[in-house]
Amino acid sequence: MTLAAAHGLGLFVRSLVGLDRVAATDAPSEFTAGLTLIANQQSFVALIVEQLTQRGTVEPEPRFAAPFTDVAPTAPAVLFGAAKVTELVEVLRRIRETAEVG
């Protein structure tokens, strides 16, 4: 990925080194708080953690593409409900914002 394609230095660096595994695991904890996750939900959250660890951010759109569709073929809202997906999108946006250099 080039610096221009990454939309800034912070996102470029994050795309190279990813996000620390502990931080990536903690990131969706707000989203999953109070939920008892079923297997597919756990797999979906694990994919998000893996993508954060490898790439540093997760854009909302890829959640509707592989490997996410392997766990939630129709949409994440089927697994979690629309309100929880909106909450997840906000979590992912905040993670991205922390990498953006102001």
PDB file of N, CA and C in Angstrom:
ATOM      1  N   MET A   1       0.852  -1.176   0.000  1.00  0.00           N
ATOM      2  CA  MET A   1       0.000   0.000   0.000  1.00  0.00           C
ATOM      3  C   MET A   1       0.891   1.230   0.000  1.00  0.00           C
ATOM      4  N   THR A   2       0.542   2.225  -0.788  1.00  0.00           N
ATOM      5  CA  THR A   2       1.305   3.463  -0.834  1.00  0.00           C
ATOM      6  C   THR A   2       0.773   4.437   0.200  1.00  0.00           C
ATOM      7  N   LEU A   3       1.576   5.449   0.477  1.00  0.00           N
ATOM      8  CA  LEU A   3       1.171   6.475   1.428  1.00  0.00           C
ATOM      9  C   LEU A   3      -0.110   7.157   0.972  1.00  0.00           C
ATOM     10  N   ALA A   4      -0.217   7.462  -0.312  1.00  0.00           N
ATOM     11  CA  ALA A   4      -1.421   8.116  -0.832  1.00  0.00           C
ATOM     12  C   ALA A   4      -2.636   7.200  -0.719  1.00  0.00           C
ATOM     13  N   ALA A   5      -2.462   5.926  -1.021  1.00  0.00           N
ATOM     14  CA  ALA A   5      -3.572   4.976  -0.950  1.00  0.00           C
ATOM     15  C   ALA A   5      -4.038   4.769   0.478  1.00  0.00           C
ATOM     16  N   ALA A   6      -3.132   4.942   1.437  1.00  0.00           N
ATOM     17  CA  ALA A   6      -3.474   4.749   2.847  1.00  0.00           C
ATOM     18  C   ALA A   6      -4.187   5.957   3.434  1.00  0.00           C
ATOM     19  N   HIS A   7      -4.199   7.080   2.721  1.00  0.00           N
ATOM     20  CA  HIS A   7      -4.859   8.314   3.171  1.00  0.00           C
ATOM     21  C   HIS A   7      -4.181   8.923   4.392  1.00  0.00           C
ATOM     22  N   GLY A   8      -2.858   8.929   4.382  1.00  0.00           N
ATOM     23  CA  GLY A   8      -2.128   9.595   5.450  1.00  0.00           C
ATOM     24  C   GLY A   8      -1.080   8.714   6.086  1.00  0.00           C
ATOM     25  N   LEU A   9      -0.129   9.370   6.734  1.00  0.00           N
ATOM     26  CA  LEU A   9       1.002   8.678   7.332  1.00  0.00           C
ATOM     27  C   LEU A   9       0.579   7.711   8.438  1.00  0.00           C
ATOM     28  N   GLY A  10      -0.294   8.138   9.322  1.00  0.00           N
ATOM     29  CA  GLY A  10      -0.704   7.278  10.426  1.00  0.00           C
ATOM     30  C   GLY A  10      -1.365   6.004   9.949  1.00  0.00           C
ATOM     31  N   LEU A  11      -2.260   6.136   8.985  1.00  0.00           N
ATOM     32  CA  LEU A  11      -2.927   4.955   8.442  1.00  0.00           C
ATOM     33  C   LEU A  11      -1.965   4.088   7.641  1.00  0.00           C
ATOM     34  N   PHE A  12      -0.999   4.721   6.981  1.00  0.00           N
ATOM     35  CA  PHE A  12       0.007   3.965   6.231  1.00  0.00           C
ATOM     36  C   PHE A  12       0.841   3.109   7.182  1.00  0.00           C
ATOM     37  N   VAL A  13       1.315   3.713   8.258  1.00  0.00           N
ATOM     38  CA  VAL A  13       2.114   2.978   9.235  1.00  0.00           C
ATOM     39  C   VAL A  13       1.267   1.861   9.852  1.00  0.00           C
ATOM     40  N   ARG A  14       0.037   2.182  10.218  1.00  0.00           N
ATOM     41  CA  ARG A  14      -0.842   1.173  10.811  1.00  0.00           C
ATOM     42  C   ARG A  14      -1.064   0.018   9.845  1.00  0.00           C
ATOM     43  N   SER A  15      -1.170   0.317   8.535  1.00  0.00           N
ATOM     44  CA  SER A  15      -1.374  -0.750   7.554  1.00  0.00           C
ATOM     45  C   SER A  15      -0.156  -1.656   7.445  1.00  0.00           C
ATOM     46  N   LEU A  16       1.021  -1.116   7.736  1.00  0.00           N
ATOM     47  CA  LEU A  16       2.250  -1.909   7.677  1.00  0.00           C
ATOM     48  C   LEU A  16       2.447  -2.784   8.909  1.00  0.00           C
ATOM     49  N   VAL A  17       2.179  -2.219  10.079  1.00  0.00           N
ATOM     50  CA  VAL A  17       2.485  -2.934  11.315  1.00  0.00           C
ATOM     51  C   VAL A  17       1.260  -3.540  11.992  1.00  0.00           C
ATOM     52  N   GLY A  18       0.082  -3.158  11.551  1.00  0.00           N
ATOM     53  CA  GLY A  18      -1.136  -3.663  12.174  1.00  0.00           C
ATOM     54  C   GLY A  18      -1.358  -3.035  13.536  1.00  0.00           C
ATOM     55  N   LEU A  19      -2.238  -3.635  14.271  1.00  0.00           N
ATOM     56  CA  LEU A  19      -2.577  -3.169  15.609  1.00  0.00           C
ATOM     57  C   LEU A  19      -2.120  -4.236  16.599  1.00  0.00           C
ATOM     58  N   ASP A  20      -1.598  -3.807  17.714  1.00  0.00           N
ATOM     59  CA  ASP A  20      -1.170  -4.723  18.761  1.00  0.00           C
ATOM     60  C   ASP A  20      -2.303  -5.704  19.078  1.00  0.00           C
ATOM     61  N   ARG A  21      -1.973  -6.979  19.254  1.00  0.00           N
ATOM     62  CA  ARG A  21      -2.977  -8.027  19.487  1.00  0.00           C
ATOM     63  C   ARG A  21      -3.853  -7.711  20.700  1.00  0.00           C
ATOM     64  N   VAL A  22      -3.265  -7.211  21.765  1.00  0.00           N
ATOM     65  CA  VAL A  22      -4.045  -6.881  22.967  1.00  0.00           C
ATOM     66  C   VAL A  22      -5.024  -5.754  22.652  1.00  0.00           C
ATOM     67  N   ALA A  23      -4.558  -4.720  21.958  1.00  0.00           N
ATOM     68  CA  ALA A  23      -5.435  -3.610  21.593  1.00  0.00           C
ATOM     69  C   ALA A  23      -6.525  -4.081  20.640  1.00  0.00           C
ATOM     70  N   ALA A  24      -6.166  -4.943  19.699  1.00  0.00           N
ATOM     71  CA  ALA A  24      -7.146  -5.461  18.740  1.00  0.00           C
ATOM     72  C   ALA A  24      -8.199  -6.315  19.444  1.00  0.00           C
ATOM     73  N   THR A  25      -7.783  -7.053  20.450  1.00  0.00           N
ATOM     74  CA  THR A  25      -8.727  -7.881  21.205  1.00  0.00           C
ATOM     75  C   THR A  25      -9.626  -7.020  22.079  1.00  0.00           C
ATOM     76  N   ASP A  26      -9.069  -5.960  22.653  1.00  0.00           N
ATOM     77  CA  ASP A  26      -9.853  -5.062  23.501  1.00  0.00           C
ATOM     78  C   ASP A  26     -10.834  -4.210  22.700  1.00  0.00           C
ATOM     79  N   ALA A  27     -10.497  -3.914  21.460  1.00  0.00           N
ATOM     80  CA  ALA A  27     -11.298  -2.992  20.651  1.00  0.00           C
ATOM     81  C   ALA A  27     -12.775  -3.363  20.573  1.00  0.00           C
ATOM     82  N   PRO A  28     -13.128  -4.596  20.263  1.00  0.00           N
ATOM     83  CA  PRO A  28     -14.557  -4.917  20.174  1.00  0.00           C
ATOM     84  C   PRO A  28     -15.215  -5.230  21.518  1.00  0.00           C
ATOM     85  N   SER A  29     -14.480  -5.109  22.627  1.00  0.00           N
ATOM     86  CA  SER A  29     -15.050  -5.463  23.929  1.00  0.00           C
ATOM     87  C   SER A  29     -16.256  -4.587  24.276  1.00  0.00           C
ATOM     88  N   GLU A  30     -16.227  -3.327  23.884  1.00  0.00           N
ATOM     89  CA  GLU A  30     -17.370  -2.443  24.109  1.00  0.00           C
ATOM     90  C   GLU A  30     -18.590  -2.955  23.332  1.00  0.00           C
ATOM     91  N   PHE A  31     -18.340  -3.406  22.120  1.00  0.00           N
ATOM     92  CA  PHE A  31     -19.396  -3.928  21.253  1.00  0.00           C
ATOM     93  C   PHE A  31     -19.975  -5.232  21.808  1.00  0.00           C
ATOM     94  N   THR A  32     -19.134  -6.089  22.367  1.00  0.00           N
ATOM     95  CA  THR A  32     -19.591  -7.398  22.829  1.00  0.00           C
ATOM     96  C   THR A  32     -20.007  -7.411  24.294  1.00  0.00           C
ATOM     97  N   ALA A  33     -19.816  -6.314  25.001  1.00  0.00           N
ATOM     98  CA  ALA A  33     -20.156  -6.256  26.425  1.00  0.00           C
ATOM     99  C   ALA A  33     -21.619  -6.627  26.641  1.00  0.00           C
ATOM    100  N   GLY A  34     -21.833  -7.527  27.560  1.00  0.00           N
ATOM    101  CA  GLY A  34     -23.184  -7.924  27.911  1.00  0.00           C
ATOM    102  C   GLY A  34     -23.792  -8.970  26.993  1.00  0.00           C
ATOM    103  N   LEU A  35     -23.074  -9.368  25.944  1.00  0.00           N
ATOM    104  CA  LEU A  35     -23.591 -10.383  25.028  1.00  0.00           C
ATOM    105  C   LEU A  35     -23.019 -11.749  25.367  1.00  0.00           C
ATOM    106  N   THR A  36     -23.812 -12.753  25.201  1.00  0.00           N
ATOM    107  CA  THR A  36     -23.332 -14.127  25.216  1.00  0.00           C
ATOM    108  C   THR A  36     -23.293 -14.541  23.757  1.00  0.00           C
ATOM    109  N   LEU A  37     -22.090 -14.627  23.207  1.00  0.00           N
ATOM    110  CA  LEU A  37     -21.933 -14.845  21.773  1.00  0.00           C
ATOM    111  C   LEU A  37     -22.092 -16.318  21.407  1.00  0.00           C
ATOM    112  N   ILE A  38     -22.837 -16.547  20.330  1.00  0.00           N
ATOM    113  CA  ILE A  38     -22.922 -17.894  19.758  1.00  0.00           C
ATOM    114  C   ILE A  38     -21.688 -18.098  18.876  1.00  0.00           C
ATOM    115  N   ALA A  39     -21.497 -19.300  18.394  1.00  0.00           N
ATOM    116  CA  ALA A  39     -20.282 -19.654  17.648  1.00  0.00           C
ATOM    117  C   ALA A  39     -20.036 -18.735  16.452  1.00  0.00           C
ATOM    118  N   ASN A  40     -21.042 -18.480  15.633  1.00  0.00           N
ATOM    119  CA  ASN A  40     -20.844 -17.621  14.459  1.00  0.00           C
ATOM    120  C   ASN A  40     -20.507 -16.187  14.858  1.00  0.00           C
ATOM    121  N   GLN A  41     -21.105 -15.707  15.928  1.00  0.00           N
ATOM    122  CA  GLN A  41     -20.784 -14.371  16.412  1.00  0.00           C
ATOM    123  C   GLN A  41     -19.343 -14.316  16.902  1.00  0.00           C
ATOM    124  N   GLN A  42     -18.915 -15.341  17.627  1.00  0.00           N
ATOM    125  CA  GLN A  42     -17.536 -15.404  18.094  1.00  0.00           C
ATOM    126  C   GLN A  42     -16.568 -15.431  16.921  1.00  0.00           C
ATOM    127  N   SER A  43     -16.903 -16.198  15.898  1.00  0.00           N
ATOM    128  CA  SER A  43     -16.047 -16.275  14.712  1.00  0.00           C
ATOM    129  C   SER A  43     -15.969 -14.931  14.006  1.00  0.00           C
ATOM    130  N   PHE A  44     -17.076 -14.226  13.925  1.00  0.00           N
ATOM    131  CA  PHE A  44     -17.108 -12.924  13.270  1.00  0.00           C
ATOM    132  C   PHE A  44     -16.231 -11.930  14.025  1.00  0.00           C
ATOM    133  N   VAL A  45     -16.363 -11.891  15.342  1.00  0.00           N
ATOM    134  CA  VAL A  45     -15.544 -10.991  16.164  1.00  0.00           C
ATOM    135  C   VAL A  45     -14.071 -11.382  16.054  1.00  0.00           C
ATOM    136  N   ALA A  46     -13.782 -12.676  16.036  1.00  0.00           N
ATOM    137  CA  ALA A  46     -12.395 -13.131  15.889  1.00  0.00           C
ATOM    138  C   ALA A  46     -11.804 -12.680  14.556  1.00  0.00           C
ATOM    139  N   LEU A  47     -12.615 -12.671  13.503  1.00  0.00           N
ATOM    140  CA  LEU A  47     -12.146 -12.169  12.204  1.00  0.00           C
ATOM    141  C   LEU A  47     -11.811 -10.688  12.272  1.00  0.00           C
ATOM    142  N   ILE A  48     -12.612  -9.937  12.974  1.00  0.00           N
ATOM    143  CA  ILE A  48     -12.337  -8.508  13.133  1.00  0.00           C
ATOM    144  C   ILE A  48     -11.024  -8.319  13.883  1.00  0.00           C
ATOM    145  N   VAL A  49     -10.828  -9.066  14.958  1.00  0.00           N
ATOM    146  CA  VAL A  49      -9.580  -8.975  15.722  1.00  0.00           C
ATOM    147  C   VAL A  49      -8.392  -9.334  14.834  1.00  0.00           C
ATOM    148  N   GLU A  50      -8.524 -10.384  14.050  1.00  0.00           N
ATOM    149  CA  GLU A  50      -7.447 -10.805  13.160  1.00  0.00           C
ATOM    150  C   GLU A  50      -7.131  -9.728  12.119  1.00  0.00           C
ATOM    151  N   GLN A  51      -8.150  -9.145  11.528  1.00  0.00           N
ATOM    152  CA  GLN A  51      -7.946  -8.091  10.534  1.00  0.00           C
ATOM    153  C   GLN A  51      -7.292  -6.861  11.172  1.00  0.00           C
ATOM    154  N   LEU A  52      -7.714  -6.509  12.381  1.00  0.00           N
ATOM    155  CA  LEU A  52      -7.099  -5.377  13.078  1.00  0.00           C
ATOM    156  C   LEU A  52      -5.630  -5.653  13.367  1.00  0.00           C
ATOM    157  N   THR A  53      -5.330  -6.875  13.772  1.00  0.00           N
ATOM    158  CA  THR A  53      -3.950  -7.248  14.070  1.00  0.00           C
ATOM    159  C   THR A  53      -3.085  -7.187  12.817  1.00  0.00           C
ATOM    160  N   GLN A  54      -3.614  -7.650  11.706  1.00  0.00           N
ATOM    161  CA  GLN A  54      -2.846  -7.683  10.469  1.00  0.00           C
ATOM    162  C   GLN A  54      -2.805  -6.335   9.759  1.00  0.00           C
ATOM    163  N   ARG A  55      -3.939  -5.662   9.672  1.00  0.00           N
ATOM    164  CA  ARG A  55      -4.046  -4.455   8.839  1.00  0.00           C
ATOM    165  C   ARG A  55      -4.144  -3.154   9.616  1.00  0.00           C
ATOM    166  N   GLY A  56      -4.456  -3.241  10.883  1.00  0.00           N
ATOM    167  CA  GLY A  56      -4.523  -2.037  11.707  1.00  0.00           C
ATOM    168  C   GLY A  56      -5.876  -1.367  11.739  1.00  0.00           C
ATOM    169  N   THR A  57      -6.673  -1.561  10.724  1.00  0.00           N
ATOM    170  CA  THR A  57      -8.033  -1.021  10.681  1.00  0.00           C
ATOM    171  C   THR A  57      -8.909  -2.012   9.930  1.00  0.00           C
ATOM    172  N   VAL A  58     -10.207  -1.843  10.098  1.00  0.00           N
ATOM    173  CA  VAL A  58     -11.184  -2.604   9.325  1.00  0.00           C
ATOM    174  C   VAL A  58     -12.219  -1.611   8.834  1.00  0.00           C
ATOM    175  N   GLU A  59     -12.336  -1.518   7.531  1.00  0.00           N
ATOM    176  CA  GLU A  59     -13.344  -0.639   6.945  1.00  0.00           C
ATOM    177  C   GLU A  59     -14.713  -1.308   7.068  1.00  0.00           C
ATOM    178  N   PRO A  60     -15.771  -0.547   7.226  1.00  0.00           N
ATOM    179  CA  PRO A  60     -17.104  -1.155   7.342  1.00  0.00           C
ATOM    180  C   PRO A  60     -17.501  -2.001   6.129  1.00  0.00           C
ATOM    181  N   GLU A  61     -17.136  -1.600   4.934  1.00  0.00           N
ATOM    182  CA  GLU A  61     -17.560  -2.320   3.737  1.00  0.00           C
ATOM    183  C   GLU A  61     -17.028  -3.744   3.651  1.00  0.00           C
ATOM    184  N   PRO A  62     -15.764  -4.014   3.985  1.00  0.00           N
ATOM    185  CA  PRO A  62     -15.284  -5.396   3.878  1.00  0.00           C
ATOM    186  C   PRO A  62     -16.028  -6.393   4.759  1.00  0.00           C
ATOM    187  N   ARG A  63     -16.775  -5.922   5.727  1.00  0.00           N
ATOM    188  CA  ARG A  63     -17.561  -6.835   6.549  1.00  0.00           C
ATOM    189  C   ARG A  63     -18.614  -7.541   5.697  1.00  0.00           C
ATOM    190  N   PHE A  64     -18.858  -7.013   4.487  1.00  0.00           N
ATOM    191  CA  PHE A  64     -19.827  -7.612   3.586  1.00  0.00           C
ATOM    192  C   PHE A  64     -19.133  -8.391   2.473  1.00  0.00           C
ATOM    193  N   ALA A  65     -17.858  -8.736   2.688  1.00  0.00           N
ATOM    194  CA  ALA A  65     -17.067  -9.505   1.723  1.00  0.00           C
ATOM    195  C   ALA A  65     -16.322 -10.598   2.486  1.00  0.00           C
ATOM    196  N   ALA A  66     -15.712 -11.508   1.733  1.00  0.00           N
ATOM    197  CA  ALA A  66     -14.920 -12.574   2.359  1.00  0.00           C
ATOM    198  C   ALA A  66     -13.772 -11.945   3.147  1.00  0.00           C
ATOM    199  N   PRO A  67     -13.376 -12.464   4.251  1.00  0.00           N
ATOM    200  CA  PRO A  67     -13.798 -13.703   4.903  1.00  0.00           C
ATOM    201  C   PRO A  67     -15.024 -13.544   5.801  1.00  0.00           C
ATOM    202  N   PHE A  68     -15.520 -12.329   5.950  1.00  0.00           N
ATOM    203  CA  PHE A  68     -16.659 -12.085   6.836  1.00  0.00           C
ATOM    204  C   PHE A  68     -17.923 -12.782   6.355  1.00  0.00           C
ATOM    205  N   THR A  69     -18.123 -12.841   5.046  1.00  0.00           N
ATOM    206  CA  THR A  69     -19.316 -13.497   4.522  1.00  0.00           C
ATOM    207  C   THR A  69     -19.261 -15.008   4.688  1.00  0.00           C
ATOM    208  N   ASP A  70     -18.093 -15.548   5.001  1.00  0.00           N
ATOM    209  CA  ASP A  70     -18.009 -16.977   5.296  1.00  0.00           C
ATOM    210  C   ASP A  70     -18.733 -17.291   6.606  1.00  0.00           C
ATOM    211  N   VAL A  71     -18.764 -16.322   7.510  1.00  0.00           N
ATOM    212  CA  VAL A  71     -19.407 -16.493   8.807  1.00  0.00           C
ATOM    213  C   VAL A  71     -20.829 -15.937   8.794  1.00  0.00           C
ATOM    214  N   ALA A  72     -21.017 -14.817   8.115  1.00  0.00           N
ATOM    215  CA  ALA A  72     -22.324 -14.158   8.030  1.00  0.00           C
ATOM    216  C   ALA A  72     -22.648 -13.923   6.550  1.00  0.00           C
ATOM    217  N   PRO A  73     -23.094 -14.961   5.837  1.00  0.00           N
ATOM    218  CA  PRO A  73     -23.276 -14.870   4.382  1.00  0.00           C
ATOM    219  C   PRO A  73     -24.214 -13.753   3.920  1.00  0.00           C
ATOM    220  N   THR A  74     -25.246 -13.462   4.673  1.00  0.00           N
ATOM    221  CA  THR A  74     -26.189 -12.440   4.223  1.00  0.00           C
ATOM    222  C   THR A  74     -25.824 -11.051   4.715  1.00  0.00           C
ATOM    223  N   ALA A  75     -25.462 -10.949   5.970  1.00  0.00           N
ATOM    224  CA  ALA A  75     -25.048  -9.659   6.533  1.00  0.00           C
ATOM    225  C   ALA A  75     -24.788  -9.822   8.022  1.00  0.00           C
ATOM    226  N   PRO A  76     -23.914  -8.978   8.577  1.00  0.00           N
ATOM    227  CA  PRO A  76     -23.663  -9.053  10.017  1.00  0.00           C
ATOM    228  C   PRO A  76     -24.915  -8.759  10.842  1.00  0.00           C
ATOM    229  N   ALA A  77     -25.841  -7.986  10.285  1.00  0.00           N
ATOM    230  CA  ALA A  77     -27.066  -7.655  11.027  1.00  0.00           C
ATOM    231  C   ALA A  77     -27.878  -8.902  11.353  1.00  0.00           C
ATOM    232  N   VAL A  78     -27.750  -9.945  10.530  1.00  0.00           N
ATOM    233  CA  VAL A  78     -28.443 -11.196  10.811  1.00  0.00           C
ATOM    234  C   VAL A  78     -27.882 -11.828  12.084  1.00  0.00           C
ATOM    235  N   LEU A  79     -26.580 -11.690  12.288  1.00  0.00           N
ATOM    236  CA  LEU A  79     -25.943 -12.253  13.490  1.00  0.00           C
ATOM    237  C   LEU A  79     -26.186 -11.419  14.736  1.00  0.00           C
ATOM    238  N   PHE A  80     -26.143 -10.096  14.581  1.00  0.00           N
ATOM    239  CA  PHE A  80     -26.129  -9.224  15.752  1.00  0.00           C
ATOM    240  C   PHE A  80     -27.326  -8.288  15.877  1.00  0.00           C
ATOM    241  N   GLY A  81     -28.026  -8.041  14.797  1.00  0.00           N
ATOM    242  CA  GLY A  81     -29.079  -7.033  14.788  1.00  0.00           C
ATOM    243  C   GLY A  81     -28.520  -5.708  14.300  1.00  0.00           C
ATOM    244  N   ALA A  82     -29.364  -4.919  13.703  1.00  0.00           N
ATOM    245  CA  ALA A  82     -28.938  -3.658  13.077  1.00  0.00           C
ATOM    246  C   ALA A  82     -28.313  -2.691  14.072  1.00  0.00           C
ATOM    247  N   ALA A  83     -28.883  -2.582  15.255  1.00  0.00           N
ATOM    248  CA  ALA A  83     -28.358  -1.632  16.245  1.00  0.00           C
ATOM    249  C   ALA A  83     -26.938  -2.003  16.669  1.00  0.00           C
ATOM    250  N   LYS A  84     -26.685  -3.297  16.870  1.00  0.00           N
ATOM    251  CA  LYS A  84     -25.338  -3.724  17.263  1.00  0.00           C
ATOM    252  C   LYS A  84     -24.341  -3.524  16.126  1.00  0.00           C
ATOM    253  N   VAL A  85     -24.776  -3.717  14.895  1.00  0.00           N
ATOM    254  CA  VAL A  85     -23.877  -3.488  13.756  1.00  0.00           C
ATOM    255  C   VAL A  85     -23.524  -2.008  13.665  1.00  0.00           C
ATOM    256  N   THR A  86     -24.473  -1.141  13.902  1.00  0.00           N
ATOM    257  CA  THR A  86     -24.198   0.299  13.923  1.00  0.00           C
ATOM    258  C   THR A  86     -23.169   0.617  15.004  1.00  0.00           C
ATOM    259  N   GLU A  87     -23.304  -0.020  16.146  1.00  0.00           N
ATOM    260  CA  GLU A  87     -22.338   0.159  17.239  1.00  0.00           C
ATOM    261  C   GLU A  87     -20.956  -0.331  16.814  1.00  0.00           C
ATOM    262  N   LEU A  88     -20.905  -1.458  16.140  1.00  0.00           N
ATOM    263  CA  LEU A  88     -19.634  -2.007  15.661  1.00  0.00           C
ATOM    264  C   LEU A  88     -18.975  -1.067  14.661  1.00  0.00           C
ATOM    265  N   VAL A  89     -19.751  -0.508  13.760  1.00  0.00           N
ATOM    266  CA  VAL A  89     -19.211   0.446  12.782  1.00  0.00           C
ATOM    267  C   VAL A  89     -18.581   1.633  13.503  1.00  0.00           C
ATOM    268  N   GLU A  90     -19.217   2.111  14.548  1.00  0.00           N
ATOM    269  CA  GLU A  90     -18.666   3.231  15.317  1.00  0.00           C
ATOM    270  C   GLU A  90     -17.350   2.841  15.991  1.00  0.00           C
ATOM    271  N   VAL A  91     -17.274   1.639  16.517  1.00  0.00           N
ATOM    272  CA  VAL A  91     -16.025   1.150  17.127  1.00  0.00           C
ATOM    273  C   VAL A  91     -14.919   1.127  16.076  1.00  0.00           C
ATOM    274  N   LEU A  92     -15.220   0.591  14.902  1.00  0.00           N
ATOM    275  CA  LEU A  92     -14.219   0.515  13.835  1.00  0.00           C
ATOM    276  C   LEU A  92     -13.794   1.899  13.355  1.00  0.00           C
ATOM    277  N   ARG A  93     -14.720   2.838  13.324  1.00  0.00           N
ATOM    278  CA  ARG A  93     -14.368   4.218  12.932  1.00  0.00           C
ATOM    279  C   ARG A  93     -13.448   4.860  13.962  1.00  0.00           C
ATOM    280  N   ARG A  94     -13.716   4.628  15.246  1.00  0.00           N
ATOM    281  CA  ARG A  94     -12.855   5.198  16.289  1.00  0.00           C
ATOM    282  C   ARG A  94     -11.449   4.610  16.215  1.00  0.00           C
ATOM    283  N   ILE A  95     -11.351   3.332  15.919  1.00  0.00           N
ATOM    284  CA  ILE A  95     -10.028   2.701  15.771  1.00  0.00           C
ATOM    285  C   ILE A  95      -9.277   3.353  14.622  1.00  0.00           C
ATOM    286  N   ARG A  96      -9.953   3.571  13.516  1.00  0.00           N
ATOM    287  CA  ARG A  96      -9.330   4.214  12.357  1.00  0.00           C
ATOM    288  C   ARG A  96      -8.891   5.638  12.711  1.00  0.00           C
ATOM    289  N   GLU A  97      -9.745   6.358  13.404  1.00  0.00           N
ATOM    290  CA  GLU A  97      -9.439   7.748  13.776  1.00  0.00           C
ATOM    291  C   GLU A  97      -8.188   7.845  14.644  1.00  0.00           C
ATOM    292  N   THR A  98      -7.934   6.845  15.478  1.00  0.00           N
ATOM    293  CA  THR A  98      -6.731   6.894  16.312  1.00  0.00           C
ATOM    294  C   THR A  98      -5.456   6.806  15.488  1.00  0.00           C
ATOM    295  N   ALA A  99      -5.555   6.269  14.277  1.00  0.00           N
ATOM    296  CA  ALA A  99      -4.369   6.160  13.412  1.00  0.00           C
ATOM    297  C   ALA A  99      -4.196   7.375  12.512  1.00  0.00           C
ATOM    298  N   GLU A 100      -5.233   8.173  12.369  1.00  0.00           N
ATOM    299  CA  GLU A 100      -5.146   9.332  11.486  1.00  0.00           C
ATOM    300  C   GLU A 100      -4.337  10.427  12.162  1.00  0.00           C
ATOM    301  N   VAL A 101      -3.379  10.948  11.417  1.00  0.00           N
ATOM    302  CA  VAL A 101      -2.544  12.031  11.923  1.00  0.00           C
ATOM    303  C   VAL A 101      -3.252  13.340  11.621  1.00  0.00           C
ATOM    304  N   GLY A 102      -3.443  14.148  12.642  1.00  0.00           N
ATOM    305  CA  GLY A 102      -4.172  15.397  12.471  1.00  0.00           C
ATOM    306  C   GLY A 102      -3.336  16.532  12.033  1.00  0.00           C
TER     307      GLY A 102
END
